[in-house]
N, C-alpha and C. Protein backbone atom coordinates (compact mmCIF):
# COMPACT_ATOMS: atom_id res chain seq x y z
N UNK A 1 1.70 -0.08 -21.62
CA UNK A 1 0.27 0.26 -21.41
C UNK A 1 0.15 1.12 -20.27
N UNK A 2 -0.45 2.19 -20.35
CA UNK A 2 -0.62 3.14 -19.23
C UNK A 2 -1.92 2.73 -18.45
N UNK A 3 -1.95 2.96 -17.29
CA UNK A 3 -3.15 2.74 -16.34
C UNK A 3 -4.10 3.82 -16.44
N UNK A 4 -4.94 3.79 -17.47
CA UNK A 4 -5.83 4.83 -17.67
C UNK A 4 -7.28 4.33 -17.84
N UNK A 5 -8.16 4.61 -16.98
CA UNK A 5 -9.63 4.26 -16.86
C UNK A 5 -10.34 5.52 -16.40
N UNK A 6 -11.42 5.84 -16.97
CA UNK A 6 -12.14 6.95 -16.54
C UNK A 6 -12.61 6.67 -15.15
N UNK A 7 -12.36 7.69 -14.28
CA UNK A 7 -12.98 7.57 -12.94
C UNK A 7 -12.18 6.73 -12.02
N UNK A 8 -11.02 6.11 -12.48
CA UNK A 8 -10.26 5.24 -11.69
C UNK A 8 -8.95 5.98 -11.31
N UNK A 9 -8.61 5.86 -10.05
CA UNK A 9 -7.41 6.48 -9.50
C UNK A 9 -6.15 5.72 -10.02
N UNK A 10 -5.28 6.43 -10.63
CA UNK A 10 -3.98 5.82 -11.26
C UNK A 10 -3.09 5.35 -10.18
N UNK A 11 -2.93 6.04 -9.04
CA UNK A 11 -2.02 5.58 -8.04
C UNK A 11 -2.57 4.30 -7.39
N UNK A 12 -3.78 4.23 -7.26
CA UNK A 12 -4.49 2.98 -6.69
C UNK A 12 -4.09 1.75 -7.56
N UNK A 13 -4.39 2.02 -8.80
CA UNK A 13 -4.02 0.88 -9.77
C UNK A 13 -2.56 0.58 -9.87
N UNK A 14 -1.78 1.65 -9.87
CA UNK A 14 -0.30 1.48 -9.90
C UNK A 14 0.17 0.60 -8.71
N UNK A 15 -0.39 0.89 -7.46
CA UNK A 15 0.02 0.21 -6.28
C UNK A 15 -0.35 -1.26 -6.37
N UNK A 16 -1.54 -1.67 -6.75
CA UNK A 16 -2.00 -2.98 -6.88
C UNK A 16 -1.11 -3.75 -7.86
N UNK A 17 -0.84 -3.09 -9.02
CA UNK A 17 0.03 -3.54 -9.97
C UNK A 17 1.42 -3.87 -9.48
N UNK A 18 1.97 -2.91 -8.69
CA UNK A 18 3.30 -3.16 -8.08
C UNK A 18 3.34 -4.35 -7.24
N UNK A 19 2.32 -4.56 -6.48
CA UNK A 19 2.37 -5.74 -5.55
C UNK A 19 2.18 -7.14 -6.34
N UNK A 20 1.36 -7.12 -7.29
CA UNK A 20 1.22 -8.28 -8.20
C UNK A 20 2.47 -8.65 -8.90
N UNK A 21 3.12 -7.57 -9.50
CA UNK A 21 4.39 -7.82 -10.17
C UNK A 21 5.52 -8.29 -9.24
N UNK A 22 5.63 -7.61 -8.02
CA UNK A 22 6.70 -8.00 -7.11
C UNK A 22 6.44 -9.29 -6.37
N UNK A 23 5.28 -9.68 -6.22
CA UNK A 23 4.94 -10.84 -5.38
C UNK A 23 4.48 -12.05 -6.23
N UNK A 24 4.28 -11.92 -7.52
CA UNK A 24 3.99 -12.97 -8.44
C UNK A 24 2.60 -13.48 -8.16
N UNK A 25 2.37 -14.63 -8.64
CA UNK A 25 1.00 -15.26 -8.68
C UNK A 25 0.62 -15.81 -7.39
N UNK A 26 1.34 -15.67 -6.30
CA UNK A 26 0.96 -16.26 -5.01
C UNK A 26 0.26 -15.15 -4.18
N UNK A 27 -0.54 -14.38 -4.87
CA UNK A 27 -1.14 -13.23 -4.12
C UNK A 27 -2.61 -13.26 -4.43
N UNK A 28 -3.47 -13.43 -3.35
CA UNK A 28 -4.90 -13.44 -3.53
C UNK A 28 -5.59 -12.14 -3.14
N UNK A 29 -6.84 -12.06 -3.20
CA UNK A 29 -7.58 -10.89 -2.97
C UNK A 29 -7.39 -10.32 -1.59
N UNK A 30 -7.61 -11.20 -0.54
CA UNK A 30 -7.45 -10.60 0.77
C UNK A 30 -6.04 -10.02 1.10
N UNK A 31 -5.06 -10.78 0.65
CA UNK A 31 -3.72 -10.17 0.93
C UNK A 31 -3.32 -9.05 0.15
N UNK A 32 -3.82 -8.87 -1.10
CA UNK A 32 -3.56 -7.76 -1.88
C UNK A 32 -4.14 -6.48 -1.34
N UNK A 33 -5.39 -6.65 -0.77
CA UNK A 33 -6.04 -5.32 -0.21
C UNK A 33 -5.46 -5.03 1.09
N UNK A 34 -4.97 -6.06 1.80
CA UNK A 34 -4.32 -5.77 3.14
C UNK A 34 -2.96 -5.17 2.90
N UNK A 35 -2.09 -5.51 1.88
CA UNK A 35 -0.88 -4.75 1.54
C UNK A 35 -1.28 -3.33 1.11
N UNK A 36 -2.29 -3.17 0.41
CA UNK A 36 -2.64 -1.79 0.07
C UNK A 36 -2.99 -0.95 1.36
N UNK A 37 -3.77 -1.57 2.23
CA UNK A 37 -4.01 -0.92 3.53
C UNK A 37 -2.83 -0.51 4.34
N UNK A 38 -1.92 -1.53 4.45
CA UNK A 38 -0.64 -1.29 5.23
C UNK A 38 0.17 -0.12 4.48
N UNK A 39 0.20 -0.12 3.12
CA UNK A 39 1.00 0.91 2.51
C UNK A 39 0.26 2.28 2.73
N UNK A 40 -1.05 2.36 2.69
CA UNK A 40 -1.72 3.53 2.98
C UNK A 40 -1.56 4.03 4.48
N UNK A 41 -1.57 3.01 5.31
CA UNK A 41 -1.32 3.39 6.72
C UNK A 41 0.10 3.99 6.92
N UNK A 42 1.12 3.29 6.33
CA UNK A 42 2.45 3.83 6.58
C UNK A 42 2.70 5.16 5.81
N UNK A 43 1.96 5.24 4.60
CA UNK A 43 2.01 6.54 3.91
C UNK A 43 1.51 7.64 4.75
N UNK A 44 0.38 7.46 5.36
CA UNK A 44 -0.28 8.45 6.17
C UNK A 44 0.67 8.80 7.36
N UNK A 45 1.29 7.81 7.90
CA UNK A 45 2.20 8.07 9.06
C UNK A 45 3.56 8.87 8.68
N UNK A 46 3.93 8.60 7.54
CA UNK A 46 5.15 9.38 7.07
C UNK A 46 4.95 10.56 6.16
N UNK A 47 3.89 10.38 5.31
CA UNK A 47 3.69 11.50 4.31
C UNK A 47 2.44 12.30 4.60
N UNK A 48 1.70 11.88 5.57
CA UNK A 48 0.51 12.53 5.90
C UNK A 48 -0.75 12.33 4.90
N UNK A 49 -0.63 11.41 3.99
CA UNK A 49 -1.67 11.14 3.11
C UNK A 49 -1.57 9.74 2.52
N UNK A 50 -2.65 9.12 2.10
CA UNK A 50 -2.54 7.71 1.52
C UNK A 50 -2.09 7.76 0.18
N UNK A 51 -1.77 6.52 -0.25
CA UNK A 51 -1.36 6.32 -1.78
C UNK A 51 -2.60 6.07 -2.55
N UNK A 52 -3.53 5.25 -2.00
CA UNK A 52 -4.69 4.84 -2.74
C UNK A 52 -5.88 5.83 -2.48
N UNK A 53 -6.93 5.65 -3.28
CA UNK A 53 -8.19 6.44 -3.03
C UNK A 53 -9.15 5.62 -2.19
N UNK A 54 -8.70 4.47 -1.65
CA UNK A 54 -9.56 3.53 -0.85
C UNK A 54 -9.98 4.27 0.51
N UNK A 55 -11.26 4.04 0.95
CA UNK A 55 -11.71 4.44 2.21
C UNK A 55 -12.02 3.10 2.87
N UNK A 56 -11.15 2.65 3.74
CA UNK A 56 -11.30 1.39 4.37
C UNK A 56 -12.31 1.40 5.53
N UNK A 57 -12.99 0.30 5.69
CA UNK A 57 -13.93 0.03 6.82
C UNK A 57 -13.53 -1.28 7.26
N UNK A 58 -13.88 -1.69 8.57
CA UNK A 58 -13.56 -2.90 9.08
C UNK A 58 -14.59 -3.90 8.76
N UNK A 59 -14.32 -5.01 8.15
CA UNK A 59 -15.14 -6.11 7.80
C UNK A 59 -14.65 -7.44 8.38
N UNK A 60 -15.20 -8.44 8.06
CA UNK A 60 -14.85 -9.85 8.64
C UNK A 60 -13.52 -10.12 8.46
N UNK A 61 -12.90 -9.89 7.34
CA UNK A 61 -11.49 -10.17 7.00
C UNK A 61 -10.51 -8.93 7.14
N UNK A 62 -11.05 -7.96 8.03
CA UNK A 62 -10.15 -6.87 8.19
C UNK A 62 -10.53 -5.61 7.42
N UNK A 63 -9.68 -4.63 7.32
CA UNK A 63 -9.91 -3.41 6.55
C UNK A 63 -10.11 -3.75 5.12
N UNK A 64 -11.08 -3.07 4.45
CA UNK A 64 -11.51 -3.38 3.13
C UNK A 64 -12.28 -2.12 2.61
N UNK A 65 -12.19 -2.05 1.26
CA UNK A 65 -13.05 -1.02 0.50
C UNK A 65 -13.55 -1.66 -0.66
N UNK A 66 -14.89 -1.83 -0.96
CA UNK A 66 -15.51 -2.50 -1.92
C UNK A 66 -15.06 -1.99 -3.38
N UNK A 67 -14.56 -0.83 -3.36
CA UNK A 67 -14.19 -0.24 -4.76
C UNK A 67 -12.89 -1.05 -5.24
N UNK A 68 -12.26 -1.83 -4.44
CA UNK A 68 -11.16 -2.66 -4.75
C UNK A 68 -11.57 -3.55 -5.91
N UNK A 69 -12.76 -4.06 -5.93
CA UNK A 69 -13.23 -4.94 -7.08
C UNK A 69 -13.25 -4.18 -8.39
N UNK A 70 -13.61 -2.80 -8.26
CA UNK A 70 -13.62 -2.06 -9.45
C UNK A 70 -12.12 -1.73 -9.99
N UNK A 71 -11.26 -1.56 -9.12
CA UNK A 71 -9.87 -1.44 -9.51
C UNK A 71 -9.36 -2.69 -10.27
N UNK A 72 -9.62 -3.81 -9.65
CA UNK A 72 -9.18 -5.06 -10.30
C UNK A 72 -9.86 -5.17 -11.66
N UNK A 73 -11.18 -4.87 -11.77
CA UNK A 73 -11.79 -5.07 -12.99
C UNK A 73 -11.28 -4.11 -14.07
N UNK A 74 -10.96 -2.88 -13.63
CA UNK A 74 -10.27 -1.94 -14.59
C UNK A 74 -9.03 -2.46 -15.10
N UNK A 75 -8.20 -2.94 -14.25
CA UNK A 75 -6.89 -3.53 -14.61
C UNK A 75 -7.07 -4.65 -15.55
N UNK A 76 -7.93 -5.52 -15.33
CA UNK A 76 -8.29 -6.60 -16.15
C UNK A 76 -8.69 -6.20 -17.51
N UNK A 77 -9.64 -5.14 -17.55
CA UNK A 77 -10.17 -4.60 -18.79
C UNK A 77 -9.00 -3.90 -19.64
N UNK A 78 -8.04 -3.45 -19.03
CA UNK A 78 -6.92 -2.83 -19.70
C UNK A 78 -5.85 -3.79 -20.13
N UNK A 79 -6.03 -5.02 -19.75
CA UNK A 79 -5.08 -6.03 -20.09
C UNK A 79 -3.86 -6.08 -19.27
N UNK A 80 -3.83 -5.43 -18.13
CA UNK A 80 -2.71 -5.45 -17.12
C UNK A 80 -2.78 -6.52 -16.18
N UNK A 81 -3.83 -7.05 -15.86
CA UNK A 81 -4.03 -7.96 -14.74
C UNK A 81 -4.87 -9.12 -15.18
N UNK A 82 -4.55 -10.36 -14.70
CA UNK A 82 -5.38 -11.53 -15.01
C UNK A 82 -5.70 -12.13 -13.60
N UNK A 83 -7.00 -12.15 -13.36
CA UNK A 83 -7.49 -12.76 -12.12
C UNK A 83 -8.04 -14.15 -12.44
N UNK A 84 -7.64 -15.15 -11.68
CA UNK A 84 -8.23 -16.55 -11.99
C UNK A 84 -8.50 -17.16 -10.59
N UNK A 85 -9.58 -17.88 -10.65
CA UNK A 85 -10.02 -18.60 -9.52
C UNK A 85 -9.41 -20.04 -9.43
N UNK A 86 -8.90 -20.41 -8.29
CA UNK A 86 -8.14 -21.77 -8.12
C UNK A 86 -8.95 -22.61 -7.19
N UNK A 87 -9.55 -23.69 -7.68
CA UNK A 87 -10.40 -24.58 -6.85
C UNK A 87 -9.60 -25.17 -5.63
N UNK A 88 -8.40 -25.46 -5.88
CA UNK A 88 -7.63 -26.21 -4.83
C UNK A 88 -7.36 -25.35 -3.63
N UNK A 89 -7.42 -23.98 -3.77
CA UNK A 89 -7.26 -23.11 -2.63
C UNK A 89 -8.58 -22.31 -2.36
N UNK A 90 -9.58 -22.62 -3.23
CA UNK A 90 -10.85 -21.94 -3.07
C UNK A 90 -10.70 -20.29 -3.00
N UNK A 91 -9.84 -19.86 -3.81
CA UNK A 91 -9.59 -18.45 -3.88
C UNK A 91 -9.02 -18.01 -5.20
N UNK A 92 -8.84 -16.73 -5.28
CA UNK A 92 -8.39 -15.96 -6.54
C UNK A 92 -6.82 -15.76 -6.42
N UNK A 93 -6.14 -15.76 -7.63
CA UNK A 93 -4.78 -15.53 -7.67
C UNK A 93 -4.63 -14.48 -8.86
N UNK A 94 -3.60 -13.65 -8.89
CA UNK A 94 -3.38 -12.64 -9.81
C UNK A 94 -2.10 -12.88 -10.59
N UNK A 95 -2.15 -12.53 -11.83
CA UNK A 95 -0.91 -12.51 -12.63
C UNK A 95 -0.79 -11.26 -13.38
N UNK A 96 0.33 -10.60 -13.39
CA UNK A 96 0.58 -9.32 -14.15
C UNK A 96 0.85 -9.51 -15.53
N UNK A 97 0.04 -8.88 -16.44
CA UNK A 97 0.21 -9.11 -17.86
C UNK A 97 0.53 -7.74 -18.49
N UNK A 98 0.76 -6.70 -17.71
CA UNK A 98 0.97 -5.41 -18.29
C UNK A 98 2.52 -5.17 -18.30
N UNK A 99 2.90 -3.94 -18.47
CA UNK A 99 4.24 -3.44 -18.40
C UNK A 99 4.63 -3.03 -17.05
N UNK A 100 6.00 -2.85 -16.89
CA UNK A 100 6.48 -2.48 -15.61
C UNK A 100 6.35 -1.02 -15.30
N UNK A 101 6.12 -0.24 -16.32
CA UNK A 101 6.14 1.25 -16.21
C UNK A 101 4.84 1.92 -15.42
N UNK A 102 3.97 1.01 -15.04
CA UNK A 102 2.76 1.49 -14.30
C UNK A 102 3.12 2.10 -13.06
N UNK A 103 4.19 1.56 -12.36
CA UNK A 103 4.60 2.07 -11.14
C UNK A 103 5.07 3.45 -11.17
N UNK A 104 5.31 3.98 -12.43
CA UNK A 104 5.72 5.38 -12.56
C UNK A 104 4.77 6.38 -11.97
N UNK A 105 3.57 5.90 -11.83
CA UNK A 105 2.48 6.89 -11.16
C UNK A 105 2.75 7.17 -9.67
N UNK A 106 3.58 6.27 -9.04
CA UNK A 106 3.95 6.41 -7.77
C UNK A 106 5.17 7.33 -7.54
N UNK A 107 5.11 8.19 -6.48
CA UNK A 107 6.24 9.08 -6.29
C UNK A 107 7.33 8.18 -5.69
N UNK A 108 8.51 8.71 -5.57
CA UNK A 108 9.72 7.96 -5.05
C UNK A 108 9.40 7.51 -3.57
N UNK A 109 8.73 8.37 -2.80
CA UNK A 109 8.52 7.98 -1.38
C UNK A 109 7.38 6.88 -1.35
N UNK A 110 6.39 7.00 -2.23
CA UNK A 110 5.39 5.95 -2.23
C UNK A 110 6.03 4.60 -2.71
N UNK A 111 6.87 4.59 -3.65
CA UNK A 111 7.43 3.38 -4.05
C UNK A 111 8.32 2.76 -2.84
N UNK A 112 9.03 3.67 -2.25
CA UNK A 112 9.89 3.15 -1.03
C UNK A 112 9.00 2.55 0.05
N UNK A 113 7.76 3.12 0.34
CA UNK A 113 6.89 2.63 1.33
C UNK A 113 6.31 1.27 0.86
N UNK A 114 5.90 1.25 -0.47
CA UNK A 114 5.33 -0.02 -1.00
C UNK A 114 6.42 -1.12 -1.08
N UNK A 115 7.65 -0.76 -1.32
CA UNK A 115 8.79 -1.70 -1.40
C UNK A 115 9.01 -2.34 0.02
N UNK A 116 8.97 -1.42 1.00
CA UNK A 116 9.06 -1.92 2.39
C UNK A 116 7.98 -2.88 2.82
N UNK A 117 6.76 -2.50 2.44
CA UNK A 117 5.61 -3.39 2.76
C UNK A 117 5.69 -4.74 2.11
N UNK A 118 6.09 -4.73 0.80
CA UNK A 118 6.26 -5.91 0.01
C UNK A 118 7.37 -6.75 0.62
N UNK A 119 8.51 -6.23 1.05
CA UNK A 119 9.54 -6.96 1.66
C UNK A 119 9.15 -7.47 3.00
N UNK A 120 8.50 -6.69 3.89
CA UNK A 120 8.25 -7.01 5.26
C UNK A 120 7.04 -8.01 5.31
N UNK A 121 5.99 -7.80 4.44
CA UNK A 121 4.76 -8.52 4.68
C UNK A 121 4.30 -9.30 3.50
N UNK A 122 4.96 -9.14 2.33
CA UNK A 122 4.46 -9.89 1.11
C UNK A 122 4.61 -11.38 1.24
N UNK A 123 5.46 -11.92 1.99
CA UNK A 123 5.59 -13.29 1.99
C UNK A 123 5.17 -13.99 3.43
N UNK A 124 4.60 -13.15 4.17
CA UNK A 124 4.13 -13.51 5.44
C UNK A 124 2.71 -14.20 5.16
N UNK A 125 2.54 -15.50 5.76
CA UNK A 125 1.25 -16.12 5.46
C UNK A 125 0.10 -15.33 5.92
N UNK A 126 -0.98 -15.41 5.12
CA UNK A 126 -2.11 -14.44 5.30
C UNK A 126 -2.77 -14.45 6.77
N UNK A 127 -2.79 -15.63 7.31
CA UNK A 127 -3.39 -15.64 8.78
C UNK A 127 -2.57 -14.95 9.72
N UNK A 128 -1.16 -15.04 9.56
CA UNK A 128 -0.16 -14.33 10.40
C UNK A 128 -0.28 -12.89 10.06
N UNK A 129 -0.33 -12.47 8.77
CA UNK A 129 -0.54 -11.06 8.47
C UNK A 129 -1.67 -10.41 9.09
N UNK A 130 -2.84 -11.17 8.97
CA UNK A 130 -4.06 -10.58 9.53
C UNK A 130 -4.02 -10.47 11.10
N UNK A 131 -3.64 -11.57 11.73
CA UNK A 131 -3.64 -11.70 13.13
C UNK A 131 -2.54 -10.78 13.87
N UNK A 132 -1.42 -10.77 13.29
CA UNK A 132 -0.21 -10.22 13.96
C UNK A 132 0.00 -8.80 13.56
N UNK A 133 -0.53 -8.40 12.27
CA UNK A 133 -0.06 -7.10 11.81
C UNK A 133 -1.41 -6.28 11.58
N UNK A 134 -2.26 -6.71 10.74
CA UNK A 134 -3.39 -5.96 10.27
C UNK A 134 -4.45 -5.58 11.43
N UNK A 135 -4.78 -6.65 12.12
CA UNK A 135 -5.82 -6.52 13.22
C UNK A 135 -5.20 -5.67 14.39
N UNK A 136 -3.81 -5.69 14.41
CA UNK A 136 -3.30 -4.97 15.60
C UNK A 136 -2.97 -3.49 15.15
N UNK A 137 -3.14 -3.15 13.91
CA UNK A 137 -2.94 -1.74 13.54
C UNK A 137 -3.91 -0.90 14.41
N UNK A 138 -3.51 0.26 14.66
CA UNK A 138 -4.30 1.23 15.41
C UNK A 138 -5.82 1.40 14.87
N UNK A 139 -5.88 1.79 13.54
CA UNK A 139 -7.24 1.95 13.01
C UNK A 139 -8.16 0.78 13.14
N UNK A 140 -7.63 -0.43 12.77
CA UNK A 140 -8.41 -1.60 12.79
C UNK A 140 -8.83 -2.00 14.30
N UNK A 141 -7.83 -1.85 15.15
CA UNK A 141 -7.96 -2.18 16.59
C UNK A 141 -9.08 -1.31 17.21
N UNK A 142 -8.95 -0.03 16.91
CA UNK A 142 -9.92 0.89 17.55
C UNK A 142 -11.34 0.61 16.87
N UNK A 143 -11.50 0.28 15.74
CA UNK A 143 -12.82 0.05 15.09
C UNK A 143 -13.37 -1.33 15.69
N UNK A 144 -12.50 -2.25 15.86
CA UNK A 144 -12.95 -3.62 16.47
C UNK A 144 -13.46 -3.40 17.96
N UNK A 145 -12.63 -2.63 18.65
CA UNK A 145 -13.04 -2.32 20.08
C UNK A 145 -14.27 -1.59 20.15
N UNK A 146 -14.54 -0.71 19.17
CA UNK A 146 -15.80 0.11 19.24
C UNK A 146 -16.98 -0.62 18.59
N UNK A 147 -16.69 -1.74 18.08
CA UNK A 147 -17.79 -2.47 17.34
C UNK A 147 -18.23 -1.71 16.13
N UNK A 148 -17.31 -1.02 15.47
CA UNK A 148 -17.66 -0.23 14.29
C UNK A 148 -17.48 -0.98 12.99
N UNK A 149 -17.98 -2.22 12.89
CA UNK A 149 -17.92 -2.97 11.77
C UNK A 149 -18.65 -2.35 10.57
N UNK A 150 -18.02 -2.23 9.42
CA UNK A 150 -18.67 -1.62 8.36
C UNK A 150 -18.58 -0.13 8.21
N UNK A 151 -17.98 0.47 9.26
CA UNK A 151 -17.86 1.96 9.24
C UNK A 151 -16.45 2.33 8.90
N UNK A 152 -16.31 3.55 8.27
CA UNK A 152 -14.99 3.95 7.91
C UNK A 152 -14.04 3.94 9.10
N UNK A 153 -12.79 3.50 8.85
CA UNK A 153 -11.66 3.53 9.80
C UNK A 153 -11.22 4.87 9.96
N UNK A 154 -10.74 5.20 11.19
CA UNK A 154 -10.22 6.59 11.44
C UNK A 154 -8.69 6.59 11.05
N UNK A 155 -8.41 6.56 9.78
CA UNK A 155 -7.09 6.59 9.27
C UNK A 155 -6.32 7.92 9.44
N UNK A 156 -7.12 9.07 9.45
CA UNK A 156 -6.54 10.41 9.48
C UNK A 156 -5.74 10.59 10.84
N UNK A 157 -6.20 9.84 11.90
CA UNK A 157 -5.47 10.18 13.14
C UNK A 157 -4.07 9.63 13.15
N UNK A 158 -3.72 8.90 12.11
CA UNK A 158 -2.35 8.39 11.98
C UNK A 158 -1.46 9.37 11.16
N UNK A 159 -2.01 10.37 10.54
CA UNK A 159 -1.30 11.26 9.57
C UNK A 159 -0.16 11.83 10.30
N UNK A 160 1.06 11.68 9.60
CA UNK A 160 2.39 12.37 10.04
C UNK A 160 2.85 11.90 11.33
N UNK A 161 2.41 10.87 11.86
CA UNK A 161 2.82 10.33 13.26
C UNK A 161 4.32 9.95 13.22
N UNK A 162 4.82 9.21 12.37
CA UNK A 162 6.25 8.82 12.26
C UNK A 162 7.11 10.12 11.91
N UNK A 163 6.55 10.87 10.99
CA UNK A 163 7.22 12.07 10.62
C UNK A 163 7.43 13.07 11.79
N UNK A 164 6.44 13.25 12.62
CA UNK A 164 6.50 14.10 13.89
C UNK A 164 7.42 13.38 14.92
N UNK A 165 7.32 12.07 15.10
CA UNK A 165 8.10 11.38 16.17
C UNK A 165 9.50 11.43 15.84
N UNK A 166 9.83 11.24 14.56
CA UNK A 166 11.27 11.16 14.16
C UNK A 166 11.88 12.58 13.88
N UNK A 167 10.96 13.45 13.62
CA UNK A 167 11.48 14.86 13.21
C UNK A 167 12.12 14.89 11.90
N UNK A 168 11.87 13.98 10.96
CA UNK A 168 12.56 13.99 9.69
C UNK A 168 11.50 13.67 8.57
N UNK A 169 11.73 14.33 7.49
CA UNK A 169 10.87 14.04 6.35
C UNK A 169 11.40 12.86 5.61
N UNK A 170 10.53 11.99 5.03
CA UNK A 170 11.00 10.77 4.25
C UNK A 170 11.67 11.15 3.09
N UNK A 171 11.30 12.19 2.39
CA UNK A 171 11.99 12.66 1.19
C UNK A 171 13.54 13.02 1.50
N UNK A 172 13.72 13.69 2.56
CA UNK A 172 15.13 14.09 3.01
C UNK A 172 15.79 12.84 3.33
N UNK A 173 15.23 11.91 4.05
CA UNK A 173 15.87 10.67 4.36
C UNK A 173 16.29 9.88 3.15
N UNK A 174 15.37 9.85 2.13
CA UNK A 174 15.72 9.13 0.84
C UNK A 174 16.91 9.93 0.14
N UNK A 175 16.79 11.17 0.18
CA UNK A 175 17.91 11.94 -0.51
C UNK A 175 19.24 11.58 0.22
N UNK A 176 19.27 11.63 1.48
CA UNK A 176 20.51 11.29 2.22
C UNK A 176 21.00 9.83 1.93
N UNK A 177 20.05 8.92 1.87
CA UNK A 177 20.33 7.66 1.62
C UNK A 177 20.95 7.42 0.10
N UNK A 178 20.43 8.15 -0.86
CA UNK A 178 20.88 8.15 -2.12
C UNK A 178 22.24 8.79 -2.37
N UNK A 179 22.37 10.04 -1.59
CA UNK A 179 23.75 10.62 -1.64
C UNK A 179 24.79 9.76 -1.03
N UNK A 180 24.39 9.03 0.08
CA UNK A 180 25.44 8.19 0.76
C UNK A 180 25.86 7.06 -0.22
N UNK A 181 25.08 6.52 -1.02
CA UNK A 181 25.34 5.45 -1.94
C UNK A 181 26.27 6.06 -3.08
N UNK A 182 26.16 7.28 -3.26
CA UNK A 182 27.05 7.90 -4.34
C UNK A 182 28.29 8.35 -3.74
N UNK A 183 28.53 8.16 -2.44
CA UNK A 183 29.60 8.69 -1.71
C UNK A 183 29.68 10.13 -1.40
N UNK A 184 28.48 10.71 -1.37
CA UNK A 184 28.28 12.12 -1.10
C UNK A 184 27.63 12.29 0.21
N UNK A 185 27.59 13.46 0.76
CA UNK A 185 26.97 13.89 1.96
C UNK A 185 25.92 14.97 1.78
N UNK A 186 24.88 14.98 2.36
CA UNK A 186 23.89 16.13 2.34
C UNK A 186 24.41 17.03 3.58
N UNK A 187 24.33 18.39 3.13
CA UNK A 187 24.82 19.37 4.20
C UNK A 187 23.99 19.37 5.42
N UNK A 188 24.50 19.44 6.56
CA UNK A 188 23.77 19.48 7.84
C UNK A 188 22.69 20.63 7.85
N UNK A 189 22.95 21.72 7.17
CA UNK A 189 22.01 22.76 7.08
C UNK A 189 20.69 22.32 6.33
N UNK A 190 20.94 21.54 5.30
CA UNK A 190 19.72 21.02 4.51
C UNK A 190 18.98 20.03 5.38
N UNK A 191 19.60 19.16 6.10
CA UNK A 191 18.92 18.30 7.03
C UNK A 191 18.10 19.05 8.10
N UNK A 192 18.78 20.00 8.74
CA UNK A 192 18.16 20.78 9.77
C UNK A 192 16.89 21.46 9.20
N UNK A 193 16.94 22.04 8.12
CA UNK A 193 15.73 22.80 7.56
C UNK A 193 14.59 21.73 7.34
N UNK A 194 14.78 20.54 7.23
CA UNK A 194 13.73 19.59 6.97
C UNK A 194 13.11 19.17 8.31
N UNK A 195 13.69 19.49 9.44
CA UNK A 195 13.13 19.11 10.66
C UNK A 195 12.06 20.07 11.12
């Protein structure tokens, strides 16, 4: 099943689907949107643009975009996602009911970033994720310090930060990593052109 809904960003839906599939049913609303936020933040820092179409603002539980609910509803309507409320935890959990090919909407670099976010933060308890990672991220911290609750976060100021600091393109890094796995090397001239 392809992730197609009129007016709904395919990459946004693909990213949420990726996290629900990779992290299973132990994923609730707050954690899912925070993983999307971290992916967008790291994508901006390395690729210069976000993966999703979300425009985050700081709310009580951290960065959030209300259109998240529309994305979840669209995925449910397509039969790709099942959201259920669990009384014992007083919250929602997700189950992936679609196919695995929805992640094909993500580029190789976006999948790499999402994979790293899933590995690093997917199993971190929500309270720790919020306090130690999300609230300490530059856009969230600046908004909190400025008392800018409900206003759009300044995500653009993070664009290409890692790329410029390291002087290397993520695509070239991934090419090099894949070549190394095959026992090949990338020519130094190709690496230097990417800097």
